[in-house]
């Protein structure tokens, strides 16, 4: 949770994990959730019409904004319809900007970024 997961995966040569859909926390149903235990709602999962909103609360419509593994309960997952891809032969390196390649003719593009 330090914000370095991507860097860790690149360092460990585990980039293929980025192509998998990650699974988040378990939620037993739609409803309001106090994630930090301070007695204030932080998160609302809803079905149907969006409830009246409160500042500082995140609202997600089940089946549209987020998915739960068993439709109305289960582990949280985002972007299930998105195809994710990680090319092991290319994606551990970023492409060099074309402006840098033009400035220095001794540079060549990183492998498989042509």
PDB file of N, CA and C in Angstrom:
ATOM      1  N   UNK A   1       0.802  -1.198   0.000  1.00  0.00           N
ATOM      2  CA  UNK A   1       0.000   0.000   0.000  1.00  0.00           C
ATOM      3  C   UNK A   1       0.849   1.268   0.000  1.00  0.00           C
ATOM      4  N   UNK A   2       2.137   1.152  -0.272  1.00  0.00           N
ATOM      5  CA  UNK A   2       2.990   2.341  -0.285  1.00  0.00           C
ATOM      6  C   UNK A   2       2.982   3.035  -1.642  1.00  0.00           C
ATOM      7  N   UNK A   3       2.337   2.443  -2.641  1.00  0.00           N
ATOM      8  CA  UNK A   3       2.303   3.036  -3.969  1.00  0.00           C
ATOM      9  C   UNK A   3       3.445   2.582  -4.860  1.00  0.00           C
ATOM     10  N   UNK A   4       4.135   1.521  -4.483  1.00  0.00           N
ATOM     11  CA  UNK A   4       5.281   1.051  -5.256  1.00  0.00           C
ATOM     12  C   UNK A   4       5.058  -0.322  -5.880  1.00  0.00           C
ATOM     13  N   UNK A   5       3.820  -0.807  -5.893  1.00  0.00           N
ATOM     14  CA  UNK A   5       3.547  -2.162  -6.392  1.00  0.00           C
ATOM     15  C   UNK A   5       4.038  -2.340  -7.824  1.00  0.00           C
ATOM     16  N   UNK A   6       3.748  -1.381  -8.694  1.00  0.00           N
ATOM     17  CA  UNK A   6       4.186  -1.487 -10.080  1.00  0.00           C
ATOM     18  C   UNK A   6       5.712  -1.637 -10.144  1.00  0.00           C
ATOM     19  N   UNK A   7       6.422  -0.810  -9.405  1.00  0.00           N
ATOM     20  CA  UNK A   7       7.887  -0.881  -9.404  1.00  0.00           C
ATOM     21  C   UNK A   7       8.370  -2.230  -8.881  1.00  0.00           C
ATOM     22  N   UNK A   8       7.708  -2.741  -7.842  1.00  0.00           N
ATOM     23  CA  UNK A   8       8.073  -4.057  -7.312  1.00  0.00           C
ATOM     24  C   UNK A   8       7.883  -5.136  -8.362  1.00  0.00           C
ATOM     25  N   UNK A   9       6.753  -5.127  -9.052  1.00  0.00           N
ATOM     26  CA  UNK A   9       6.489  -6.145 -10.071  1.00  0.00           C
ATOM     27  C   UNK A   9       7.502  -6.081 -11.200  1.00  0.00           C
ATOM     28  N   UNK A  10       7.907  -4.885 -11.584  1.00  0.00           N
ATOM     29  CA  UNK A  10       8.906  -4.749 -12.641  1.00  0.00           C
ATOM     30  C   UNK A  10      10.260  -5.291 -12.165  1.00  0.00           C
ATOM     31  N   UNK A  11      10.629  -4.954 -10.947  1.00  0.00           N
ATOM     32  CA  UNK A  11      11.916  -5.411 -10.398  1.00  0.00           C
ATOM     33  C   UNK A  11      11.956  -6.927 -10.252  1.00  0.00           C
ATOM     34  N   UNK A  12      10.838  -7.513  -9.871  1.00  0.00           N
ATOM     35  CA  UNK A  12      10.772  -8.963  -9.657  1.00  0.00           C
ATOM     36  C   UNK A  12      10.487  -9.737 -10.945  1.00  0.00           C
ATOM     37  N   UNK A  13      10.348  -9.040 -12.078  1.00  0.00           N
ATOM     38  CA  UNK A  13       9.991  -9.668 -13.364  1.00  0.00           C
ATOM     39  C   UNK A  13       8.679 -10.447 -13.235  1.00  0.00           C
ATOM     40  N   UNK A  14       7.697  -9.833 -12.588  1.00  0.00           N
ATOM     41  CA  UNK A  14       6.370 -10.429 -12.399  1.00  0.00           C
ATOM     42  C   UNK A  14       5.292  -9.594 -13.089  1.00  0.00           C
ATOM     43  N   UNK A  15       5.658  -8.962 -14.199  1.00  0.00           N
ATOM     44  CA  UNK A  15       4.737  -8.089 -14.916  1.00  0.00           C
ATOM     45  C   UNK A  15       3.486  -8.782 -15.408  1.00  0.00           C
ATOM     46  N   UNK A  16       3.560 -10.094 -15.626  1.00  0.00           N
ATOM     47  CA  UNK A  16       2.386 -10.839 -16.090  1.00  0.00           C
ATOM     48  C   UNK A  16       1.215 -10.689 -15.122  1.00  0.00           C
ATOM     49  N   UNK A  17       1.502 -10.409 -13.859  1.00  0.00           N
ATOM     50  CA  UNK A  17       0.436 -10.223 -12.868  1.00  0.00           C
ATOM     51  C   UNK A  17      -0.418  -8.992 -13.176  1.00  0.00           C
ATOM     52  N   UNK A  18       0.140  -8.033 -13.921  1.00  0.00           N
ATOM     53  CA  UNK A  18      -0.613  -6.845 -14.294  1.00  0.00           C
ATOM     54  C   UNK A  18      -1.726  -7.158 -15.285  1.00  0.00           C
ATOM     55  N   UNK A  19      -1.597  -8.260 -16.016  1.00  0.00           N
ATOM     56  CA  UNK A  19      -2.613  -8.649 -16.996  1.00  0.00           C
ATOM     57  C   UNK A  19      -3.781  -9.389 -16.353  1.00  0.00           C
ATOM     58  N   UNK A  20      -3.641  -9.777 -15.105  1.00  0.00           N
ATOM     59  CA  UNK A  20      -4.718 -10.466 -14.407  1.00  0.00           C
ATOM     60  C   UNK A  20      -5.643  -9.439 -13.764  1.00  0.00           C
ATOM     61  N   UNK A  21      -6.903  -9.783 -13.651  1.00  0.00           N
ATOM     62  CA  UNK A  21      -7.838  -8.916 -12.938  1.00  0.00           C
ATOM     63  C   UNK A  21      -7.622  -9.148 -11.452  1.00  0.00           C
ATOM     64  N   UNK A  22      -7.353  -8.068 -10.739  1.00  0.00           N
ATOM     65  CA  UNK A  22      -7.113  -8.217  -9.311  1.00  0.00           C
ATOM     66  C   UNK A  22      -8.440  -8.319  -8.574  1.00  0.00           C
ATOM     67  N   UNK A  23      -8.394  -8.951  -7.446  1.00  0.00           N
ATOM     68  CA  UNK A  23      -9.572  -9.157  -6.612  1.00  0.00           C
ATOM     69  C   UNK A  23      -9.353  -8.399  -5.316  1.00  0.00           C
ATOM     70  N   UNK A  24     -10.344  -7.615  -4.946  1.00  0.00           N
ATOM     71  CA  UNK A  24     -10.220  -6.798  -3.750  1.00  0.00           C
ATOM     72  C   UNK A  24     -10.941  -7.388  -2.552  1.00  0.00           C
ATOM     73  N   UNK A  25     -11.290  -6.536  -1.642  1.00  0.00           N
ATOM     74  CA  UNK A  25     -11.910  -6.918  -0.369  1.00  0.00           C
ATOM     75  C   UNK A  25     -13.269  -7.575  -0.584  1.00  0.00           C
ATOM     76  N   UNK A  26     -13.687  -8.336   0.404  1.00  0.00           N
ATOM     77  CA  UNK A  26     -14.989  -9.006   0.379  1.00  0.00           C
ATOM     78  C   UNK A  26     -16.056  -8.073   0.949  1.00  0.00           C
ATOM     79  N   UNK A  27     -17.192  -7.992   0.263  1.00  0.00           N
ATOM     80  CA  UNK A  27     -18.345  -7.237   0.733  1.00  0.00           C
ATOM     81  C   UNK A  27     -19.560  -8.154   0.684  1.00  0.00           C
ATOM     82  N   UNK A  28     -20.299  -8.273   1.783  1.00  0.00           N
ATOM     83  CA  UNK A  28     -21.407  -9.220   1.852  1.00  0.00           C
ATOM     84  C   UNK A  28     -22.657  -8.799   1.079  1.00  0.00           C
ATOM     85  N   UNK A  29     -22.773  -7.509   0.722  1.00  0.00           N
ATOM     86  CA  UNK A  29     -23.964  -7.052   0.002  1.00  0.00           C
ATOM     87  C   UNK A  29     -23.777  -5.599  -0.407  1.00  0.00           C
ATOM     88  N   UNK A  30     -24.773  -5.077  -1.134  1.00  0.00           N
ATOM     89  CA  UNK A  30     -24.776  -3.642  -1.380  1.00  0.00           C
ATOM     90  C   UNK A  30     -25.072  -2.960  -0.046  1.00  0.00           C
ATOM     91  N   UNK A  31     -24.770  -1.679   0.041  1.00  0.00           N
ATOM     92  CA  UNK A  31     -25.032  -0.961   1.279  1.00  0.00           C
ATOM     93  C   UNK A  31     -23.931   0.026   1.615  1.00  0.00           C
ATOM     94  N   UNK A  32     -24.000   0.544   2.833  1.00  0.00           N
ATOM     95  CA  UNK A  32     -23.031   1.539   3.311  1.00  0.00           C
ATOM     96  C   UNK A  32     -21.957   0.854   4.138  1.00  0.00           C
ATOM     97  N   UNK A  33     -20.714   1.331   3.979  1.00  0.00           N
ATOM     98  CA  UNK A  33     -19.591   0.733   4.702  1.00  0.00           C
ATOM     99  C   UNK A  33     -18.717   1.817   5.330  1.00  0.00           C
ATOM    100  N   UNK A  34     -18.367   1.571   6.584  1.00  0.00           N
ATOM    101  CA  UNK A  34     -17.437   2.419   7.332  1.00  0.00           C
ATOM    102  C   UNK A  34     -16.102   1.679   7.329  1.00  0.00           C
ATOM    103  N   UNK A  35     -15.229   2.029   6.407  1.00  0.00           N
ATOM    104  CA  UNK A  35     -13.991   1.270   6.213  1.00  0.00           C
ATOM    105  C   UNK A  35     -12.939   1.511   7.286  1.00  0.00           C
ATOM    106  N   UNK A  36     -12.950   2.673   7.911  1.00  0.00           N
ATOM    107  CA  UNK A  36     -11.902   2.962   8.887  1.00  0.00           C
ATOM    108  C   UNK A  36     -12.397   2.925  10.334  1.00  0.00           C
ATOM    109  N   UNK A  37     -13.655   2.514  10.549  1.00  0.00           N
ATOM    110  CA  UNK A  37     -14.166   2.325  11.901  1.00  0.00           C
ATOM    111  C   UNK A  37     -14.393   3.595  12.700  1.00  0.00           C
ATOM    112  N   UNK A  38     -14.541   4.733  12.018  1.00  0.00           N
ATOM    113  CA  UNK A  38     -14.751   5.981  12.752  1.00  0.00           C
ATOM    114  C   UNK A  38     -16.226   6.341  12.914  1.00  0.00           C
ATOM    115  N   UNK A  39     -17.130   5.441  12.509  1.00  0.00           N
ATOM    116  CA  UNK A  39     -18.553   5.680  12.646  1.00  0.00           C
ATOM    117  C   UNK A  39     -19.166   6.495  11.522  1.00  0.00           C
ATOM    118  N   UNK A  40     -18.376   6.800  10.485  1.00  0.00           N
ATOM    119  CA  UNK A  40     -18.848   7.594   9.354  1.00  0.00           C
ATOM    120  C   UNK A  40     -18.744   6.740   8.087  1.00  0.00           C
ATOM    121  N   UNK A  41     -19.792   6.757   7.271  1.00  0.00           N
ATOM    122  CA  UNK A  41     -19.802   5.996   6.023  1.00  0.00           C
ATOM    123  C   UNK A  41     -18.735   6.527   5.074  1.00  0.00           C
ATOM    124  N   UNK A  42     -17.938   5.609   4.527  1.00  0.00           N
ATOM    125  CA  UNK A  42     -16.891   5.957   3.557  1.00  0.00           C
ATOM    126  C   UNK A  42     -17.250   5.521   2.143  1.00  0.00           C
ATOM    127  N   UNK A  43     -18.037   4.452   2.042  1.00  0.00           N
ATOM    128  CA  UNK A  43     -18.249   3.778   0.773  1.00  0.00           C
ATOM    129  C   UNK A  43     -19.674   3.272   0.703  1.00  0.00           C
ATOM    130  N   UNK A  44     -20.309   3.447  -0.469  1.00  0.00           N
ATOM    131  CA  UNK A  44     -21.659   2.932  -0.674  1.00  0.00           C
ATOM    132  C   UNK A  44     -21.687   2.157  -1.985  1.00  0.00           C
ATOM    133  N   UNK A  45     -22.129   0.900  -1.916  1.00  0.00           N
ATOM    134  CA  UNK A  45     -22.433   0.108  -3.103  1.00  0.00           C
ATOM    135  C   UNK A  45     -23.947   0.104  -3.230  1.00  0.00           C
ATOM    136  N   UNK A  46     -24.444   0.428  -4.416  1.00  0.00           N
ATOM    137  CA  UNK A  46     -25.892   0.492  -4.583  1.00  0.00           C
ATOM    138  C   UNK A  46     -26.315  -0.207  -5.865  1.00  0.00           C
ATOM    139  N   UNK A  47     -27.578  -0.571  -5.905  1.00  0.00           N
ATOM    140  CA  UNK A  47     -28.228  -1.112  -7.092  1.00  0.00           C
ATOM    141  C   UNK A  47     -29.397  -0.187  -7.394  1.00  0.00           C
ATOM    142  N   UNK A  48     -29.798  -0.093  -8.632  1.00  0.00           N
ATOM    143  CA  UNK A  48     -30.907   0.806  -8.972  1.00  0.00           C
ATOM    144  C   UNK A  48     -30.437   2.242  -9.049  1.00  0.00           C
ATOM    145  N   UNK A  49     -31.286   3.162  -8.570  1.00  0.00           N
ATOM    146  CA  UNK A  49     -30.973   4.592  -8.630  1.00  0.00           C
ATOM    147  C   UNK A  49     -29.927   4.979  -7.596  1.00  0.00           C
ATOM    148  N   UNK A  50     -29.102   5.956  -7.959  1.00  0.00           N
ATOM    149  CA  UNK A  50     -28.067   6.444  -7.047  1.00  0.00           C
ATOM    150  C   UNK A  50     -28.712   7.141  -5.852  1.00  0.00           C
ATOM    151  N   UNK A  51     -28.284   6.781  -4.648  1.00  0.00           N
ATOM    152  CA  UNK A  51     -28.849   7.446  -3.464  1.00  0.00           C
ATOM    153  C   UNK A  51     -28.376   8.891  -3.375  1.00  0.00           C
ATOM    154  N   UNK A  52     -29.008   9.639  -2.512  1.00  0.00           N
ATOM    155  CA  UNK A  52     -28.582  11.014  -2.240  1.00  0.00           C
ATOM    156  C   UNK A  52     -27.137  10.972  -1.742  1.00  0.00           C
ATOM    157  N   UNK A  53     -26.299  11.793  -2.354  1.00  0.00           N
ATOM    158  CA  UNK A  53     -24.873  11.721  -2.052  1.00  0.00           C
ATOM    159  C   UNK A  53     -24.483  12.621  -0.888  1.00  0.00           C
ATOM    160  N   UNK A  54     -23.385  12.227  -0.251  1.00  0.00           N
ATOM    161  CA  UNK A  54     -22.784  12.985   0.837  1.00  0.00           C
ATOM    162  C   UNK A  54     -21.326  13.240   0.471  1.00  0.00           C
ATOM    163  N   UNK A  55     -20.847  14.437   0.697  1.00  0.00           N
ATOM    164  CA  UNK A  55     -19.454  14.770   0.398  1.00  0.00           C
ATOM    165  C   UNK A  55     -18.520  13.835   1.161  1.00  0.00           C
ATOM    166  N   UNK A  56     -17.481  13.386   0.486  1.00  0.00           N
ATOM    167  CA  UNK A  56     -16.480  12.527   1.113  1.00  0.00           C
ATOM    168  C   UNK A  56     -16.808  11.052   1.054  1.00  0.00           C
ATOM    169  N   UNK A  57     -17.980  10.697   0.539  1.00  0.00           N
ATOM    170  CA  UNK A  57     -18.375   9.292   0.423  1.00  0.00           C
ATOM    171  C   UNK A  57     -18.241   8.873  -1.035  1.00  0.00           C
ATOM    172  N   UNK A  58     -17.690   7.688  -1.274  1.00  0.00           N
ATOM    173  CA  UNK A  58     -17.560   7.161  -2.626  1.00  0.00           C
ATOM    174  C   UNK A  58     -18.765   6.273  -2.916  1.00  0.00           C
ATOM    175  N   UNK A  59     -19.384   6.460  -4.101  1.00  0.00           N
ATOM    176  CA  UNK A  59     -20.567   5.710  -4.501  1.00  0.00           C
ATOM    177  C   UNK A  59     -20.252   4.891  -5.742  1.00  0.00           C
ATOM    178  N   UNK A  60     -20.592   3.610  -5.701  1.00  0.00           N
ATOM    179  CA  UNK A  60     -20.370   2.717  -6.833  1.00  0.00           C
ATOM    180  C   UNK A  60     -21.618   1.897  -7.095  1.00  0.00           C
ATOM    181  N   UNK A  61     -22.052   1.877  -8.344  1.00  0.00           N
ATOM    182  CA  UNK A  61     -23.206   1.070  -8.725  1.00  0.00           C
ATOM    183  C   UNK A  61     -22.729  -0.336  -9.069  1.00  0.00           C
ATOM    184  N   UNK A  62     -23.311  -1.319  -8.401  1.00  0.00           N
ATOM    185  CA  UNK A  62     -22.929  -2.709  -8.638  1.00  0.00           C
ATOM    186  C   UNK A  62     -23.299  -3.119 -10.059  1.00  0.00           C
ATOM    187  N   UNK A  63     -22.368  -3.802 -10.712  1.00  0.00           N
ATOM    188  CA  UNK A  63     -22.580  -4.262 -12.073  1.00  0.00           C
ATOM    189  C   UNK A  63     -22.287  -3.221 -13.127  1.00  0.00           C
ATOM    190  N   UNK A  64     -22.070  -1.972 -12.720  1.00  0.00           N
ATOM    191  CA  UNK A  64     -21.763  -0.900 -13.663  1.00  0.00           C
ATOM    192  C   UNK A  64     -20.390  -0.308 -13.338  1.00  0.00           C
ATOM    193  N   UNK A  65     -20.256   0.262 -12.155  1.00  0.00           N
ATOM    194  CA  UNK A  65     -18.992   0.865 -11.734  1.00  0.00           C
ATOM    195  C   UNK A  65     -18.020  -0.175 -11.203  1.00  0.00           C
ATOM    196  N   UNK A  66     -18.533  -1.133 -10.472  1.00  0.00           N
ATOM    197  CA  UNK A  66     -17.727  -2.209  -9.888  1.00  0.00           C
ATOM    198  C   UNK A  66     -18.528  -3.503  -9.954  1.00  0.00           C
ATOM    199  N   UNK A  67     -17.837  -4.592  -9.741  1.00  0.00           N
ATOM    200  CA  UNK A  67     -18.475  -5.901  -9.698  1.00  0.00           C
ATOM    201  C   UNK A  67     -18.074  -6.616  -8.427  1.00  0.00           C
ATOM    202  N   UNK A  68     -18.983  -7.415  -7.919  1.00  0.00           N
ATOM    203  CA  UNK A  68     -18.680  -8.336  -6.833  1.00  0.00           C
ATOM    204  C   UNK A  68     -18.697  -9.736  -7.427  1.00  0.00           C
ATOM    205  N   UNK A  69     -17.834 -10.599  -6.940  1.00  0.00           N
ATOM    206  CA  UNK A  69     -17.616 -11.895  -7.579  1.00  0.00           C
ATOM    207  C   UNK A  69     -18.877 -12.747  -7.711  1.00  0.00           C
ATOM    208  N   UNK A  70     -19.834 -12.588  -6.836  1.00  0.00           N
ATOM    209  CA  UNK A  70     -21.086 -13.346  -6.927  1.00  0.00           C
ATOM    210  C   UNK A  70     -22.270 -12.419  -7.173  1.00  0.00           C
ATOM    211  N   UNK A  71     -22.065 -11.421  -8.011  1.00  0.00           N
ATOM    212  CA  UNK A  71     -23.066 -10.429  -8.413  1.00  0.00           C
ATOM    213  C   UNK A  71     -23.463  -9.472  -7.296  1.00  0.00           C
ATOM    214  N   UNK A  72     -24.093  -9.953  -6.226  1.00  0.00           N
ATOM    215  CA  UNK A  72     -24.577  -9.062  -5.169  1.00  0.00           C
ATOM    216  C   UNK A  72     -23.771  -9.179  -3.886  1.00  0.00           C
ATOM    217  N   UNK A  73     -22.786 -10.066  -3.856  1.00  0.00           N
ATOM    218  CA  UNK A  73     -21.859 -10.190  -2.718  1.00  0.00           C
ATOM    219  C   UNK A  73     -20.597 -10.839  -3.223  1.00  0.00           C
ATOM    220  N   UNK A  74     -19.518 -10.659  -2.496  1.00  0.00           N
ATOM    221  CA  UNK A  74     -18.257 -11.285  -2.883  1.00  0.00           C
ATOM    222  C   UNK A  74     -17.107 -10.302  -2.922  1.00  0.00           C
ATOM    223  N   UNK A  75     -16.047 -10.720  -3.597  1.00  0.00           N
ATOM    224  CA  UNK A  75     -14.846  -9.897  -3.683  1.00  0.00           C
ATOM    225  C   UNK A  75     -14.996  -8.833  -4.760  1.00  0.00           C
ATOM    226  N   UNK A  76     -14.518  -7.658  -4.453  1.00  0.00           N
ATOM    227  CA  UNK A  76     -14.599  -6.499  -5.315  1.00  0.00           C
ATOM    228  C   UNK A  76     -13.687  -6.661  -6.522  1.00  0.00           C
ATOM    229  N   UNK A  77     -14.190  -6.298  -7.702  1.00  0.00           N
ATOM    230  CA  UNK A  77     -13.347  -6.298  -8.894  1.00  0.00           C
ATOM    231  C   UNK A  77     -13.792  -5.180  -9.821  1.00  0.00           C
ATOM    232  N   UNK A  78     -12.828  -4.551 -10.454  1.00  0.00           N
ATOM    233  CA  UNK A  78     -13.063  -3.432 -11.358  1.00  0.00           C
ATOM    234  C   UNK A  78     -12.711  -3.828 -12.781  1.00  0.00           C
ATOM    235  N   UNK A  79     -13.317  -3.199 -13.759  1.00  0.00           N
ATOM    236  CA  UNK A  79     -12.943  -3.277 -15.176  1.00  0.00           C
ATOM    237  C   UNK A  79     -12.909  -4.700 -15.722  1.00  0.00           C
ATOM    238  N   UNK A  80     -13.900  -5.525 -15.384  1.00  0.00           N
ATOM    239  CA  UNK A  80     -13.899  -6.906 -15.867  1.00  0.00           C
ATOM    240  C   UNK A  80     -14.001  -6.992 -17.380  1.00  0.00           C
ATOM    241  N   UNK A  81     -14.634  -6.027 -18.014  1.00  0.00           N
ATOM    242  CA  UNK A  81     -14.778  -6.051 -19.464  1.00  0.00           C
ATOM    243  C   UNK A  81     -13.531  -5.603 -20.214  1.00  0.00           C
ATOM    244  N   UNK A  82     -12.539  -5.112 -19.502  1.00  0.00           N
ATOM    245  CA  UNK A  82     -11.322  -4.612 -20.129  1.00  0.00           C
ATOM    246  C   UNK A  82     -10.314  -5.745 -20.323  1.00  0.00           C
ATOM    247  N   UNK A  83      -9.769  -5.828 -21.509  1.00  0.00           N
ATOM    248  CA  UNK A  83      -8.716  -6.796 -21.772  1.00  0.00           C
ATOM    249  C   UNK A  83      -7.385  -6.170 -21.379  1.00  0.00           C
ATOM    250  N   UNK A  84      -6.679  -6.831 -20.499  1.00  0.00           N
ATOM    251  CA  UNK A  84      -5.388  -6.318 -20.043  1.00  0.00           C
ATOM    252  C   UNK A  84      -4.285  -7.175 -20.664  1.00  0.00           C
ATOM    253  N   UNK A  85      -3.215  -6.524 -21.044  1.00  0.00           N
ATOM    254  CA  UNK A  85      -2.132  -7.225 -21.729  1.00  0.00           C
ATOM    255  C   UNK A  85      -0.786  -6.772 -21.177  1.00  0.00           C
ATOM    256  N   UNK A  86       0.118  -7.703 -21.014  1.00  0.00           N
ATOM    257  CA  UNK A  86       1.489  -7.377 -20.641  1.00  0.00           C
ATOM    258  C   UNK A  86       2.401  -8.200 -21.532  1.00  0.00           C
ATOM    259  N   UNK A  87       3.230  -7.546 -22.323  1.00  0.00           N
ATOM    260  CA  UNK A  87       4.147  -8.204 -23.242  1.00  0.00           C
ATOM    261  C   UNK A  87       5.491  -8.383 -22.531  1.00  0.00           C
ATOM    262  N   UNK A  88       5.783  -9.623 -22.146  1.00  0.00           N
ATOM    263  CA  UNK A  88       7.015  -9.927 -21.396  1.00  0.00           C
ATOM    264  C   UNK A  88       8.278  -9.529 -22.170  1.00  0.00           C
ATOM    265  N   UNK A  89       8.215  -9.520 -23.495  1.00  0.00           N
ATOM    266  CA  UNK A  89       9.381  -9.207 -24.318  1.00  0.00           C
ATOM    267  C   UNK A  89       9.578  -7.709 -24.531  1.00  0.00           C
ATOM    268  N   UNK A  90       8.644  -6.902 -24.036  1.00  0.00           N
ATOM    269  CA  UNK A  90       8.724  -5.478 -24.304  1.00  0.00           C
ATOM    270  C   UNK A  90       8.481  -4.603 -23.077  1.00  0.00           C
ATOM    271  N   UNK A  91       7.507  -4.945 -22.263  1.00  0.00           N
ATOM    272  CA  UNK A  91       6.948  -3.992 -21.318  1.00  0.00           C
ATOM    273  C   UNK A  91       7.729  -3.775 -20.031  1.00  0.00           C
ATOM    274  N   UNK A  92       8.843  -4.446 -19.852  1.00  0.00           N
ATOM    275  CA  UNK A  92       9.668  -4.129 -18.682  1.00  0.00           C
ATOM    276  C   UNK A  92      10.455  -2.839 -18.899  1.00  0.00           C
ATOM    277  N   UNK A  93      10.565  -2.400 -20.148  1.00  0.00           N
ATOM    278  CA  UNK A  93      11.233  -1.144 -20.486  1.00  0.00           C
ATOM    279  C   UNK A  93      10.223  -0.200 -21.111  1.00  0.00           C
ATOM    280  N   UNK A  94      10.351   1.080 -20.851  1.00  0.00           N
ATOM    281  CA  UNK A  94       9.517   2.077 -21.506  1.00  0.00           C
ATOM    282  C   UNK A  94      10.092   2.371 -22.885  1.00  0.00           C
ATOM    283  N   UNK A  95       9.253   2.820 -23.821  1.00  0.00           N
ATOM    284  CA  UNK A  95       9.807   3.260 -25.105  1.00  0.00           C
ATOM    285  C   UNK A  95      10.548   4.579 -24.903  1.00  0.00           C
ATOM    286  N   UNK A  96      11.606   4.763 -25.650  1.00  0.00           N
ATOM    287  CA  UNK A  96      12.311   6.048 -25.601  1.00  0.00           C
ATOM    288  C   UNK A  96      11.501   7.065 -26.407  1.00  0.00           C
ATOM    289  N   UNK A  97      11.361   8.277 -25.903  1.00  0.00           N
ATOM    290  CA  UNK A  97      10.619   9.301 -26.647  1.00  0.00           C
ATOM    291  C   UNK A  97      11.283   9.590 -27.990  1.00  0.00           C
ATOM    292  N   UNK A  98      10.478   9.759 -29.031  1.00  0.00           N
ATOM    293  CA  UNK A  98      11.030  10.017 -30.365  1.00  0.00           C
ATOM    294  C   UNK A  98      11.858  11.299 -30.384  1.00  0.00           C
ATOM    295  N   UNK A  99      11.496  12.266 -29.539  1.00  0.00           N
ATOM    296  CA  UNK A  99      12.280  13.507 -29.486  1.00  0.00           C
ATOM    297  C   UNK A  99      13.708  13.234 -29.009  1.00  0.00           C
ATOM    298  N   UNK A 100      13.880  12.293 -28.090  1.00  0.00           N
ATOM    299  CA  UNK A 100      15.227  11.941 -27.605  1.00  0.00           C
ATOM    300  C   UNK A 100      16.000  11.183 -28.677  1.00  0.00           C
ATOM    301  N   UNK A 101      15.325  10.321 -29.407  1.00  0.00           N
ATOM    302  CA  UNK A 101      15.989   9.591 -30.491  1.00  0.00           C
ATOM    303  C   UNK A 101      16.449  10.542 -31.590  1.00  0.00           C
ATOM    304  N   UNK A 102      15.673  11.585 -31.845  1.00  0.00           N
ATOM    305  CA  UNK A 102      16.060  12.571 -32.847  1.00  0.00           C
ATOM    306  C   UNK A 102      17.244  13.421 -32.385  1.00  0.00           C
ATOM    307  N   UNK A 103      17.320  13.692 -31.093  1.00  0.00           N
ATOM    308  CA  UNK A 103      18.413  14.504 -30.554  1.00  0.00           C
ATOM    309  C   UNK A 103      19.750  13.769 -30.550  1.00  0.00           C
ATOM    310  N   UNK A 104      19.714  12.453 -30.401  1.00  0.00           N
ATOM    311  CA  UNK A 104      20.948  11.679 -30.291  1.00  0.00           C
ATOM    312  C   UNK A 104      20.867  10.470 -31.213  1.00  0.00           C
ATOM    313  N   UNK A 105      21.569  10.517 -32.309  1.00  0.00           N
ATOM    314  CA  UNK A 105      21.527   9.430 -33.300  1.00  0.00           C
ATOM    315  C   UNK A 105      22.204   8.153 -32.798  1.00  0.00           C
ATOM    316  N   UNK A 106      22.918   8.212 -31.675  1.00  0.00           N
ATOM    317  CA  UNK A 106      23.530   7.013 -31.110  1.00  0.00           C
ATOM    318  C   UNK A 106      22.532   6.165 -30.321  1.00  0.00           C
ATOM    319  N   UNK A 107      21.381   6.740 -29.995  1.00  0.00           N
ATOM    320  CA  UNK A 107      20.352   5.992 -29.272  1.00  0.00           C
ATOM    321  C   UNK A 107      19.555   5.119 -30.227  1.00  0.00           C
ATOM    322  N   UNK A 108      19.129   3.977 -29.747  1.00  0.00           N
ATOM    323  CA  UNK A 108      18.209   3.134 -30.493  1.00  0.00           C
ATOM    324  C   UNK A 108      17.018   2.832 -29.587  1.00  0.00           C
ATOM    325  N   UNK A 109      15.897   2.603 -30.215  1.00  0.00           N
ATOM    326  CA  UNK A 109      14.680   2.333 -29.452  1.00  0.00           C
ATOM    327  C   UNK A 109      14.817   1.041 -28.659  1.00  0.00           C
ATOM    328  N   UNK A 110      14.189   1.000 -27.491  1.00  0.00           N
ATOM    329  CA  UNK A 110      14.190  -0.216 -26.690  1.00  0.00           C
ATOM    330  C   UNK A 110      13.526  -1.359 -27.466  1.00  0.00           C
ATOM    331  N   UNK A 111      13.915  -2.604 -27.178  1.00  0.00           N
ATOM    332  CA  UNK A 111      13.435  -3.756 -27.944  1.00  0.00           C
ATOM    333  C   UNK A 111      11.917  -3.832 -28.017  1.00  0.00           C
ATOM    334  N   UNK A 112      11.433  -4.148 -29.225  1.00  0.00           N
ATOM    335  CA  UNK A 112      10.016  -4.382 -29.518  1.00  0.00           C
ATOM    336  C   UNK A 112       9.129  -3.164 -29.364  1.00  0.00           C
ATOM    337  N   UNK A 113       9.701  -1.971 -29.327  1.00  0.00           N
ATOM    338  CA  UNK A 113       8.909  -0.746 -29.284  1.00  0.00           C
ATOM    339  C   UNK A 113       8.927  -0.026 -30.641  1.00  0.00           C
ATOM    340  N   UNK A 114       9.390  -0.652 -31.669  1.00  0.00           N
ATOM    341  CA  UNK A 114       9.456  -0.010 -32.994  1.00  0.00           C
ATOM    342  C   UNK A 114       8.092   0.218 -33.574  1.00  0.00           C
TER     343      UNK A 114
END
